[in-house]
């Protein structure tokens, strides 16, 4: 077997392992969230399982879930906001179809995301809408503010990036955060330089900085 063929086999096996780990993660999340209650013990169990199964952290959203668990448990205190945000994330994972594809649905249908955005953080203005695997809205804002970017709670013509969270559904147009998307699209049509980007695109850009 030549090097190219060998590399292809290794890549295929890695993908299969990551997919199996993701499917297992989904099963665990479904079990944990069956009663819609998330205890400290369950959070610690999930964190330990992720550490023991590193293959699940090789892809999104497993990598993001692992980071969130680390941040939640880092100071030894699980706040109400952290618990509620994690409940929303795990519930979304249970309702997602990524077990069949090996990846989560990251681009809601009907939203014209920038195909290949060149995301710059320094002195840029970010607005966030929707719910994020990455964490709470505040956590997302803090992540870009650490990189000297600015944030805004609503869309104006001077916004550079509107980041759309992945935990959304087919009815996004009729939801509260759909208004931000519609406003941004109107500004774009008028020639304003707002880039609509998905959570995955944003997270990947963050990971390249760190």
Protein backbone atom coordinates (compact mmCIF):
# COMPACT_ATOMS: atom_id res chain seq x y z
CA UNK A 1 0.00 0.00 0.00
CA UNK A 2 1.48 3.31 -1.04
CA UNK A 3 1.57 6.37 1.24
CA UNK A 4 -1.43 8.02 -0.43
CA UNK A 5 -3.62 4.95 -0.05
CA UNK A 6 -2.45 4.47 3.53
CA UNK A 7 -3.29 8.07 4.37
CA UNK A 8 -6.76 7.60 2.85
CA UNK A 9 -7.41 4.52 5.00
CA UNK A 10 -6.25 6.32 8.14
CA UNK A 11 -8.49 9.27 7.36
CA UNK A 12 -11.47 6.99 6.75
CA UNK A 13 -10.91 5.14 10.03
CA UNK A 14 -10.56 8.42 11.92
CA UNK A 15 -13.86 9.64 10.44
CA UNK A 16 -15.61 6.39 11.42
CA UNK A 17 -14.26 6.61 14.97
CA UNK A 18 -15.35 10.23 15.28
CA UNK A 19 -18.82 9.36 13.96
CA UNK A 20 -19.21 6.47 16.42
CA UNK A 21 -18.08 8.69 19.29
CA UNK A 22 -20.58 11.35 18.22
CA UNK A 23 -23.39 8.79 18.05
CA UNK A 24 -22.43 7.56 21.53
CA UNK A 25 -22.40 11.15 22.79
CA UNK A 26 -25.93 11.62 21.42
CA UNK A 27 -27.12 8.49 23.22
CA UNK A 28 -25.67 9.71 26.49
CA UNK A 29 -27.24 13.15 26.03
CA UNK A 30 -30.63 11.57 25.33
CA UNK A 31 -30.37 9.50 28.50
CA UNK A 32 -29.27 12.45 30.63
CA UNK A 33 -31.98 14.77 29.29
CA UNK A 34 -34.83 12.25 29.40
CA UNK A 35 -36.23 13.96 32.50
CA UNK A 36 -35.21 17.48 31.40
CA UNK A 37 -33.19 17.83 34.61
CA UNK A 38 -29.40 18.21 34.65
CA UNK A 39 -27.75 17.47 37.99
CA UNK A 40 -24.18 18.23 39.05
CA UNK A 41 -23.49 14.49 39.02
CA UNK A 42 -24.66 14.19 35.41
CA UNK A 43 -22.51 17.14 34.34
CA UNK A 44 -19.44 15.55 35.96
CA UNK A 45 -20.27 12.19 34.38
CA UNK A 46 -20.53 13.75 30.92
CA UNK A 47 -17.26 15.63 31.42
CA UNK A 48 -15.44 12.46 32.46
CA UNK A 49 -16.87 10.53 29.51
CA UNK A 50 -15.71 13.17 27.03
CA UNK A 51 -12.20 13.08 28.55
CA UNK A 52 -12.13 9.30 28.20
CA UNK A 53 -13.31 9.46 24.58
CA UNK A 54 -11.13 12.11 22.91
CA UNK A 55 -12.29 11.12 19.41
CA UNK A 56 -15.54 13.02 20.02
CA UNK A 57 -13.57 16.24 20.52
CA UNK A 58 -11.93 16.10 17.10
CA UNK A 59 -14.97 17.55 15.35
CA UNK A 60 -17.56 20.22 15.96
CA UNK A 61 -19.72 20.28 18.07
CA UNK A 62 -17.94 17.74 20.27
CA UNK A 63 -14.91 19.99 20.56
CA UNK A 64 -17.09 22.89 21.68
CA UNK A 65 -19.05 20.76 24.16
CA UNK A 66 -15.78 19.60 25.72
CA UNK A 67 -14.57 23.18 26.07
CA UNK A 68 -17.85 24.27 27.65
CA UNK A 69 -17.78 21.46 30.18
CA UNK A 70 -14.22 22.42 31.10
CA UNK A 71 -15.19 26.05 31.59
CA UNK A 72 -18.28 25.20 33.64
CA UNK A 73 -16.34 22.94 36.00
CA UNK A 74 -13.11 24.95 36.11
CA UNK A 75 -14.01 27.07 39.14
CA UNK A 76 -15.86 24.28 40.92
CA UNK A 77 -19.16 26.19 40.85
CA UNK A 78 -21.99 25.41 38.43
CA UNK A 79 -24.14 28.53 38.12
CA UNK A 80 -27.84 28.58 37.23
CA UNK A 81 -27.03 30.31 33.93
CA UNK A 82 -24.41 27.70 33.04
CA UNK A 83 -26.77 24.83 33.88
CA UNK A 84 -29.68 26.26 31.89
CA UNK A 85 -27.45 26.99 28.90
CA UNK A 86 -26.05 23.46 28.95
CA UNK A 87 -29.57 22.01 29.20
CA UNK A 88 -30.47 23.92 26.04
CA UNK A 89 -27.36 22.65 24.27
CA UNK A 90 -27.88 19.00 25.19
CA UNK A 91 -31.58 19.18 24.29
CA UNK A 92 -30.64 20.62 20.89
CA UNK A 93 -28.12 17.81 20.36
CA UNK A 94 -30.81 15.24 21.11
CA UNK A 95 -33.11 16.82 18.51
CA UNK A 96 -30.42 17.15 15.85
CA UNK A 97 -29.95 14.69 12.98
CA UNK A 98 -26.16 14.60 13.14
CA UNK A 99 -26.12 10.96 14.28
CA UNK A 100 -26.89 9.98 10.69
CA UNK A 101 -24.31 12.23 9.07
CA UNK A 102 -21.55 12.31 11.65
CA UNK A 103 -21.84 16.07 12.00
CA UNK A 104 -24.38 18.52 13.31
CA UNK A 105 -26.51 20.63 11.03
CA UNK A 106 -24.62 23.90 11.13
CA UNK A 107 -26.25 25.98 8.40
CA UNK A 108 -29.97 26.56 8.78
CA UNK A 109 -31.79 26.47 5.46
CA UNK A 110 -32.66 29.84 4.00
CA UNK A 111 -29.94 31.95 5.59
CA UNK A 112 -27.41 33.33 3.05
CA UNK A 113 -24.22 32.79 4.98
CA UNK A 114 -20.95 34.10 3.58
CA UNK A 115 -19.43 31.11 1.76
CA UNK A 116 -15.83 31.88 2.65
CA UNK A 117 -15.63 34.71 5.17
CA UNK A 118 -12.29 36.21 6.13
CA UNK A 119 -13.13 36.87 9.77
CA UNK A 120 -11.10 39.59 11.49
CA UNK A 121 -11.55 40.30 15.20
CA UNK A 122 -9.39 43.35 15.90
CA UNK A 123 -11.62 46.45 16.20
CA UNK A 124 -14.51 44.73 14.42
CA UNK A 125 -18.13 44.90 15.60
CA UNK A 126 -19.95 41.62 16.25
CA UNK A 127 -23.61 40.91 16.91
CA UNK A 128 -24.89 37.49 18.00
CA UNK A 129 -28.31 35.95 17.48
CA UNK A 130 -29.83 32.60 18.34
CA UNK A 131 -28.56 30.00 20.80
CA UNK A 132 -25.01 28.68 20.64
CA UNK A 133 -23.28 25.39 21.31
CA UNK A 134 -20.31 27.58 22.24
CA UNK A 135 -22.12 28.87 25.33
CA UNK A 136 -24.33 31.72 26.45
CA UNK A 137 -24.61 34.95 24.49
CA UNK A 138 -22.44 36.59 27.14
CA UNK A 139 -19.77 33.92 26.72
CA UNK A 140 -19.71 34.51 22.95
CA UNK A 141 -19.37 38.25 23.46
CA UNK A 142 -16.54 37.82 25.96
CA UNK A 143 -14.69 35.55 23.52
CA UNK A 144 -14.46 38.27 20.85
CA UNK A 145 -13.95 41.12 23.29
CA UNK A 146 -10.79 39.36 24.49
CA UNK A 147 -9.56 39.75 20.91
CA UNK A 148 -10.20 43.54 21.01
CA UNK A 149 -13.44 43.24 19.05
CA UNK A 150 -16.60 45.07 20.04
CA UNK A 151 -20.12 43.68 20.46
CA UNK A 152 -23.62 45.03 20.02
CA UNK A 153 -26.96 43.61 21.08
CA UNK A 154 -28.82 44.66 17.93
CA UNK A 155 -28.07 45.03 14.22
CA UNK A 156 -27.10 48.42 12.78
CA UNK A 157 -25.39 49.37 9.53
CA UNK A 158 -21.98 49.55 11.26
CA UNK A 159 -22.02 45.89 12.39
CA UNK A 160 -19.30 43.85 10.68
CA UNK A 161 -20.47 40.33 11.53
CA UNK A 162 -23.79 38.83 12.55
CA UNK A 163 -23.06 35.40 14.03
CA UNK A 164 -26.00 32.96 13.93
CA UNK A 165 -26.15 30.27 16.61
CA UNK A 166 -26.61 26.68 15.48
CA UNK A 167 -29.36 25.76 17.92
CA UNK A 168 -32.19 26.94 15.72
CA UNK A 169 -34.98 25.30 13.78
CA UNK A 170 -36.82 25.57 10.50
CA UNK A 171 -39.08 28.28 11.92
CA UNK A 172 -36.24 30.73 12.49
CA UNK A 173 -37.94 33.36 10.32
CA UNK A 174 -40.78 33.63 12.81
CA UNK A 175 -38.59 33.75 15.93
CA UNK A 176 -37.19 36.74 17.79
CA UNK A 177 -33.67 36.27 16.49
CA UNK A 178 -35.06 36.03 12.96
CA UNK A 179 -35.63 39.78 13.17
CA UNK A 180 -31.89 40.38 13.48
CA UNK A 181 -31.22 38.21 10.46
CA UNK A 182 -33.87 40.00 8.42
CA UNK A 183 -32.50 43.40 9.46
CA UNK A 184 -28.97 42.36 8.48
CA UNK A 185 -30.16 41.07 5.10
CA UNK A 186 -31.90 44.40 4.44
CA UNK A 187 -28.70 46.29 5.24
CA UNK A 188 -26.69 43.95 2.99
CA UNK A 189 -29.07 44.64 0.10
CA UNK A 190 -28.40 48.35 0.61
CA UNK A 191 -24.66 47.78 0.27
CA UNK A 192 -23.64 47.66 3.92
CA UNK A 193 -20.69 45.39 4.60
CA UNK A 194 -22.31 43.05 7.10
CA UNK A 195 -21.21 39.42 6.87
CA UNK A 196 -23.68 36.74 7.94
CA UNK A 197 -21.68 33.87 9.43
CA UNK A 198 -22.61 30.60 11.08
CA UNK A 199 -21.50 29.55 14.53
CA UNK A 200 -19.22 26.90 13.03
CA UNK A 201 -17.47 29.45 10.80
CA UNK A 202 -17.02 31.74 13.80
CA UNK A 203 -15.71 28.96 16.08
CA UNK A 204 -13.23 27.82 13.43
CA UNK A 205 -11.95 31.40 13.10
CA UNK A 206 -11.57 31.60 16.89
CA UNK A 207 -9.61 28.35 17.00
CA UNK A 208 -7.14 29.68 14.43
CA UNK A 209 -6.38 32.67 16.67
CA UNK A 210 -5.81 30.69 19.85
